[in-house]
């Protein structure tokens, strides 16, 4: 009369109570639900694979400064990703910095990608990309490869692209200078 429900899942710990909670006690079927039948994946099937990210890589060095944490006077090195939820006053040379809504960073940073939801003050060089979200505020000496600012985001200070910066001329050493006698004749 009733067909038996089939539940497809990877969890082997499903109980009769779990099925009742999914179907609901008012459905009329809750009392007549047989034990769930688990359907396993076909042989050779693998779970969906996604490309690894910096945070997924086991060897990636990740530092999270949680809310209400203050880190002051540090030099942060060999850190692939810094997540700032509290307050950090430091210098850093790394790959990725993410500043959360209530997070704040004050200092000097040279980074590949900077994603700002909170506040940054100081000297920021984002070699690849600087992303400022609607709640983000960035001020100071700012250099970037590419820039994305969402509506509401703030950016102020000495701001320039890395490509437009002219290299400072190197002073010539004495051996590189020609004597005036050679020029005159």
C-alpha atoms as a PDB file:
ATOM      1  CA  UNK A   1       0.000   0.000   0.000  1.00  0.00           C
ATOM      2  CA  UNK A   2       2.661   2.549   1.026  1.00  0.00           C
ATOM      3  CA  UNK A   3       6.000   2.541  -0.667  1.00  0.00           C
ATOM      4  CA  UNK A   4       8.951   2.379   1.674  1.00  0.00           C
ATOM      5  CA  UNK A   5      10.924   5.623   1.830  1.00  0.00           C
ATOM      6  CA  UNK A   6      14.542   5.384   0.761  1.00  0.00           C
ATOM      7  CA  UNK A   7      17.063   7.659   2.388  1.00  0.00           C
ATOM      8  CA  UNK A   8      20.280   8.412   0.565  1.00  0.00           C
ATOM      9  CA  UNK A   9      23.017   9.507   2.921  1.00  0.00           C
ATOM     10  CA  UNK A  10      26.600   8.913   3.909  1.00  0.00           C
ATOM     11  CA  UNK A  11      25.756   8.797   7.614  1.00  0.00           C
ATOM     12  CA  UNK A  12      25.361   5.222   8.885  1.00  0.00           C
ATOM     13  CA  UNK A  13      24.001   6.358  12.250  1.00  0.00           C
ATOM     14  CA  UNK A  14      20.463   7.317  11.186  1.00  0.00           C
ATOM     15  CA  UNK A  15      17.811   6.106  13.587  1.00  0.00           C
ATOM     16  CA  UNK A  16      14.063   5.768  13.433  1.00  0.00           C
ATOM     17  CA  UNK A  17      13.820   8.951  15.518  1.00  0.00           C
ATOM     18  CA  UNK A  18      15.845  10.887  12.892  1.00  0.00           C
ATOM     19  CA  UNK A  19      13.461   9.798  10.127  1.00  0.00           C
ATOM     20  CA  UNK A  20      10.443  10.816  12.217  1.00  0.00           C
ATOM     21  CA  UNK A  21      11.919  14.256  12.816  1.00  0.00           C
ATOM     22  CA  UNK A  22      12.524  14.731   9.090  1.00  0.00           C
ATOM     23  CA  UNK A  23       9.026  13.602   8.087  1.00  0.00           C
ATOM     24  CA  UNK A  24       7.347  15.319  11.021  1.00  0.00           C
ATOM     25  CA  UNK A  25       5.011  13.755  13.526  1.00  0.00           C
ATOM     26  CA  UNK A  26       1.914  15.317  11.939  1.00  0.00           C
ATOM     27  CA  UNK A  27       2.469  13.764   8.511  1.00  0.00           C
ATOM     28  CA  UNK A  28       0.516  10.616   9.314  1.00  0.00           C
ATOM     29  CA  UNK A  29       3.470   8.525   8.170  1.00  0.00           C
ATOM     30  CA  UNK A  30       5.586   8.922  11.275  1.00  0.00           C
ATOM     31  CA  UNK A  31       4.170   5.897  13.043  1.00  0.00           C
ATOM     32  CA  UNK A  32       4.264   3.697   9.935  1.00  0.00           C
ATOM     33  CA  UNK A  33       7.822   4.499   8.894  1.00  0.00           C
ATOM     34  CA  UNK A  34       9.931   1.386   8.521  1.00  0.00           C
ATOM     35  CA  UNK A  35      13.603   1.321   9.419  1.00  0.00           C
ATOM     36  CA  UNK A  36      15.486   3.551   6.986  1.00  0.00           C
ATOM     37  CA  UNK A  37      17.184   1.834   4.084  1.00  0.00           C
ATOM     38  CA  UNK A  38      20.619   3.318   3.445  1.00  0.00           C
ATOM     39  CA  UNK A  39      21.789   3.517  -0.127  1.00  0.00           C
ATOM     40  CA  UNK A  40      25.527   3.578  -0.481  1.00  0.00           C
ATOM     41  CA  UNK A  41      27.417   5.266  -3.272  1.00  0.00           C
ATOM     42  CA  UNK A  42      28.146   3.135  -6.301  1.00  0.00           C
ATOM     43  CA  UNK A  43      31.584   1.495  -6.342  1.00  0.00           C
ATOM     44  CA  UNK A  44      34.277   3.820  -7.619  1.00  0.00           C
ATOM     45  CA  UNK A  45      32.269   6.955  -6.830  1.00  0.00           C
ATOM     46  CA  UNK A  46      34.120   9.679  -4.979  1.00  0.00           C
ATOM     47  CA  UNK A  47      32.752  12.641  -3.077  1.00  0.00           C
ATOM     48  CA  UNK A  48      32.745  15.966  -4.910  1.00  0.00           C
ATOM     49  CA  UNK A  49      36.237  17.298  -5.170  1.00  0.00           C
ATOM     50  CA  UNK A  50      37.000  20.980  -4.947  1.00  0.00           C
ATOM     51  CA  UNK A  51      40.319  22.595  -5.743  1.00  0.00           C
ATOM     52  CA  UNK A  52      42.456  23.102  -2.652  1.00  0.00           C
ATOM     53  CA  UNK A  53      42.701  26.602  -1.241  1.00  0.00           C
ATOM     54  CA  UNK A  54      45.290  28.112   1.052  1.00  0.00           C
ATOM     55  CA  UNK A  55      43.149  27.249   4.078  1.00  0.00           C
ATOM     56  CA  UNK A  56      42.531  23.663   2.890  1.00  0.00           C
ATOM     57  CA  UNK A  57      46.183  22.811   2.397  1.00  0.00           C
ATOM     58  CA  UNK A  58      47.457  20.986   5.490  1.00  0.00           C
ATOM     59  CA  UNK A  59      50.882  22.596   5.239  1.00  0.00           C
ATOM     60  CA  UNK A  60      49.467  26.124   4.944  1.00  0.00           C
ATOM     61  CA  UNK A  61      50.466  28.331   7.845  1.00  0.00           C
ATOM     62  CA  UNK A  62      47.338  30.091   9.094  1.00  0.00           C
ATOM     63  CA  UNK A  63      47.092  32.480  12.036  1.00  0.00           C
ATOM     64  CA  UNK A  64      43.736  33.566  13.428  1.00  0.00           C
ATOM     65  CA  UNK A  65      43.613  36.462  15.868  1.00  0.00           C
ATOM     66  CA  UNK A  66      40.203  35.955  17.462  1.00  0.00           C
ATOM     67  CA  UNK A  67      37.752  38.567  18.677  1.00  0.00           C
ATOM     68  CA  UNK A  68      38.801  40.370  21.879  1.00  0.00           C
ATOM     69  CA  UNK A  69      42.459  39.385  21.217  1.00  0.00           C
ATOM     70  CA  UNK A  70      45.087  42.120  20.904  1.00  0.00           C
ATOM     71  CA  UNK A  71      48.450  41.334  19.305  1.00  0.00           C
ATOM     72  CA  UNK A  72      50.911  44.206  19.624  1.00  0.00           C
ATOM     73  CA  UNK A  73      54.492  44.771  18.497  1.00  0.00           C
ATOM     74  CA  UNK A  74      54.847  41.591  16.472  1.00  0.00           C
ATOM     75  CA  UNK A  75      56.628  40.774  13.241  1.00  0.00           C
ATOM     76  CA  UNK A  76      54.595  38.123  11.442  1.00  0.00           C
ATOM     77  CA  UNK A  77      56.634  35.935   9.074  1.00  0.00           C
ATOM     78  CA  UNK A  78      56.030  32.678   7.189  1.00  0.00           C
ATOM     79  CA  UNK A  79      52.257  32.947   7.586  1.00  0.00           C
ATOM     80  CA  UNK A  80      50.245  32.087   4.469  1.00  0.00           C
ATOM     81  CA  UNK A  81      46.966  33.541   5.781  1.00  0.00           C
ATOM     82  CA  UNK A  82      46.330  35.948   8.636  1.00  0.00           C
ATOM     83  CA  UNK A  83      42.717  36.319   9.770  1.00  0.00           C
ATOM     84  CA  UNK A  84      42.169  39.336  12.035  1.00  0.00           C
ATOM     85  CA  UNK A  85      39.018  39.326  14.145  1.00  0.00           C
ATOM     86  CA  UNK A  86      40.570  41.273  17.025  1.00  0.00           C
ATOM     87  CA  UNK A  87      43.276  43.974  16.907  1.00  0.00           C
ATOM     88  CA  UNK A  88      46.805  43.574  15.526  1.00  0.00           C
ATOM     89  CA  UNK A  89      49.669  46.084  15.595  1.00  0.00           C
ATOM     90  CA  UNK A  90      52.483  44.497  13.621  1.00  0.00           C
ATOM     91  CA  UNK A  91      54.571  44.251  10.481  1.00  0.00           C
ATOM     92  CA  UNK A  92      53.896  41.425   8.089  1.00  0.00           C
ATOM     93  CA  UNK A  93      55.121  39.980   4.792  1.00  0.00           C
ATOM     94  CA  UNK A  94      52.885  37.165   3.657  1.00  0.00           C
ATOM     95  CA  UNK A  95      50.370  35.907   1.088  1.00  0.00           C
ATOM     96  CA  UNK A  96      46.839  36.705   2.343  1.00  0.00           C
ATOM     97  CA  UNK A  97      45.354  38.936   5.029  1.00  0.00           C
ATOM     98  CA  UNK A  98      41.654  38.952   5.876  1.00  0.00           C
ATOM     99  CA  UNK A  99      40.363  41.542   8.314  1.00  0.00           C
ATOM    100  CA  UNK A 100      36.894  40.724   9.681  1.00  0.00           C
ATOM    101  CA  UNK A 101      34.116  43.294  10.263  1.00  0.00           C
ATOM    102  CA  UNK A 102      35.211  44.106  13.818  1.00  0.00           C
ATOM    103  CA  UNK A 103      38.884  43.411  13.156  1.00  0.00           C
ATOM    104  CA  UNK A 104      41.583  46.080  12.992  1.00  0.00           C
ATOM    105  CA  UNK A 105      45.181  46.037  11.753  1.00  0.00           C
ATOM    106  CA  UNK A 106      47.651  48.842  12.334  1.00  0.00           C
ATOM    107  CA  UNK A 107      51.135  48.604  10.889  1.00  0.00           C
ATOM    108  CA  UNK A 108      53.093  47.770   7.764  1.00  0.00           C
ATOM    109  CA  UNK A 109      52.009  44.937   5.482  1.00  0.00           C
ATOM    110  CA  UNK A 110      53.398  43.560   2.236  1.00  0.00           C
ATOM    111  CA  UNK A 111      50.963  40.958   0.964  1.00  0.00           C
ATOM    112  CA  UNK A 112      49.674  39.250  -2.193  1.00  0.00           C
ATOM    113  CA  UNK A 113      45.938  39.615  -1.439  1.00  0.00           C
ATOM    114  CA  UNK A 114      44.303  41.858   1.173  1.00  0.00           C
ATOM    115  CA  UNK A 115      40.597  41.443   1.926  1.00  0.00           C
ATOM    116  CA  UNK A 116      39.299  44.141   4.258  1.00  0.00           C
ATOM    117  CA  UNK A 117      35.924  44.023   6.023  1.00  0.00           C
ATOM    118  CA  UNK A 118      37.173  45.942   9.077  1.00  0.00           C
ATOM    119  CA  UNK A 119      39.836  48.611   9.535  1.00  0.00           C
ATOM    120  CA  UNK A 120      43.401  48.932   8.247  1.00  0.00           C
ATOM    121  CA  UNK A 121      45.722  51.830   9.171  1.00  0.00           C
ATOM    122  CA  UNK A 122      49.316  52.129   8.071  1.00  0.00           C
ATOM    123  CA  UNK A 123      51.353  51.080   5.079  1.00  0.00           C
ATOM    124  CA  UNK A 124      49.760  48.432   2.855  1.00  0.00           C
ATOM    125  CA  UNK A 125      51.247  46.911  -0.285  1.00  0.00           C
ATOM    126  CA  UNK A 126      48.867  44.420  -1.931  1.00  0.00           C
ATOM    127  CA  UNK A 127      51.010  43.009  -4.731  1.00  0.00           C
ATOM    128  CA  UNK A 128      48.137  41.214  -6.463  1.00  0.00           C
ATOM    129  CA  UNK A 129      44.777  42.498  -5.233  1.00  0.00           C
ATOM    130  CA  UNK A 130      43.226  44.777  -2.618  1.00  0.00           C
ATOM    131  CA  UNK A 131      39.549  44.103  -1.853  1.00  0.00           C
ATOM    132  CA  UNK A 132      37.673  46.551   0.360  1.00  0.00           C
ATOM    133  CA  UNK A 133      34.183  45.412   1.332  1.00  0.00           C
ATOM    134  CA  UNK A 134      31.256  47.706   2.206  1.00  0.00           C
ATOM    135  CA  UNK A 135      32.239  47.810   5.894  1.00  0.00           C
ATOM    136  CA  UNK A 136      35.977  48.186   5.182  1.00  0.00           C
ATOM    137  CA  UNK A 137      38.045  51.275   5.965  1.00  0.00           C
ATOM    138  CA  UNK A 138      41.627  51.559   4.708  1.00  0.00           C
ATOM    139  CA  UNK A 139      43.908  54.527   5.356  1.00  0.00           C
ATOM    140  CA  UNK A 140      47.592  55.302   5.058  1.00  0.00           C
ATOM    141  CA  UNK A 141      50.169  54.674   2.339  1.00  0.00           C
ATOM    142  CA  UNK A 142      48.429  52.199   0.032  1.00  0.00           C
ATOM    143  CA  UNK A 143      49.932  50.403  -2.990  1.00  0.00           C
ATOM    144  CA  UNK A 144      48.059  47.757  -4.948  1.00  0.00           C
ATOM    145  CA  UNK A 145      48.134  45.643  -8.117  1.00  0.00           C
ATOM    146  CA  UNK A 146      44.365  45.541  -8.646  1.00  0.00           C
ATOM    147  CA  UNK A 147      41.709  47.297  -6.592  1.00  0.00           C
ATOM    148  CA  UNK A 148      38.095  46.383  -5.826  1.00  0.00           C
ATOM    149  CA  UNK A 149      35.987  48.579  -3.535  1.00  0.00           C
ATOM    150  CA  UNK A 150      32.397  47.656  -2.763  1.00  0.00           C
ATOM    151  CA  UNK A 151      29.875  50.440  -2.278  1.00  0.00           C
ATOM    152  CA  UNK A 152      30.350  51.844   1.205  1.00  0.00           C
ATOM    153  CA  UNK A 153      34.023  50.886   1.452  1.00  0.00           C
ATOM    154  CA  UNK A 154      36.445  53.683   2.340  1.00  0.00           C
ATOM    155  CA  UNK A 155      39.971  54.329   1.063  1.00  0.00           C
ATOM    156  CA  UNK A 156      42.038  57.401   1.943  1.00  0.00           C
ATOM    157  CA  UNK A 157      45.661  58.447   2.126  1.00  0.00           C
ATOM    158  CA  UNK A 158      48.614  58.210  -0.258  1.00  0.00           C
ATOM    159  CA  UNK A 159      47.177  55.767  -2.793  1.00  0.00           C
ATOM    160  CA  UNK A 160      48.863  54.449  -5.933  1.00  0.00           C
ATOM    161  CA  UNK A 161      49.001  51.412  -8.185  1.00  0.00           C
ATOM    162  CA  UNK A 162      52.170  49.387  -8.167  1.00  0.00           C
ATOM    163  CA  UNK A 163      52.475  49.660 -11.961  1.00  0.00           C
ATOM    164  CA  UNK A 164      52.421  53.471 -11.909  1.00  0.00           C
ATOM    165  CA  UNK A 165      55.168  53.801  -9.334  1.00  0.00           C
ATOM    166  CA  UNK A 166      58.419  54.828 -10.926  1.00  0.00           C
ATOM    167  CA  UNK A 167      61.534  53.082  -9.675  1.00  0.00           C
ATOM    168  CA  UNK A 168      63.790  55.462  -7.824  1.00  0.00           C
ATOM    169  CA  UNK A 169      66.983  56.175  -9.749  1.00  0.00           C
ATOM    170  CA  UNK A 170      69.981  54.353  -8.353  1.00  0.00           C
ATOM    171  CA  UNK A 171      72.957  56.556  -7.575  1.00  0.00           C
ATOM    172  CA  UNK A 172      75.912  55.911  -9.854  1.00  0.00           C
ATOM    173  CA  UNK A 173      79.118  54.671  -8.327  1.00  0.00           C
ATOM    174  CA  UNK A 174      82.374  56.457  -9.097  1.00  0.00           C
ATOM    175  CA  UNK A 175      83.556  53.696 -11.473  1.00  0.00           C
ATOM    176  CA  UNK A 176      80.376  54.132 -13.547  1.00  0.00           C
ATOM    177  CA  UNK A 177      81.056  57.838 -14.159  1.00  0.00           C
ATOM    178  CA  UNK A 178      83.019  58.833 -17.267  1.00  0.00           C
ATOM    179  CA  UNK A 179      85.804  61.326 -16.774  1.00  0.00           C
ATOM    180  CA  UNK A 180      85.067  64.695 -18.357  1.00  0.00           C
ATOM    181  CA  UNK A 181      88.264  64.446 -20.420  1.00  0.00           C
ATOM    182  CA  UNK A 182      86.846  61.387 -22.213  1.00  0.00           C
ATOM    183  CA  UNK A 183      83.635  63.242 -23.072  1.00  0.00           C
ATOM    184  CA  UNK A 184      85.371  66.442 -24.172  1.00  0.00           C
ATOM    185  CA  UNK A 185      87.624  64.830 -26.528  1.00  0.00           C
END
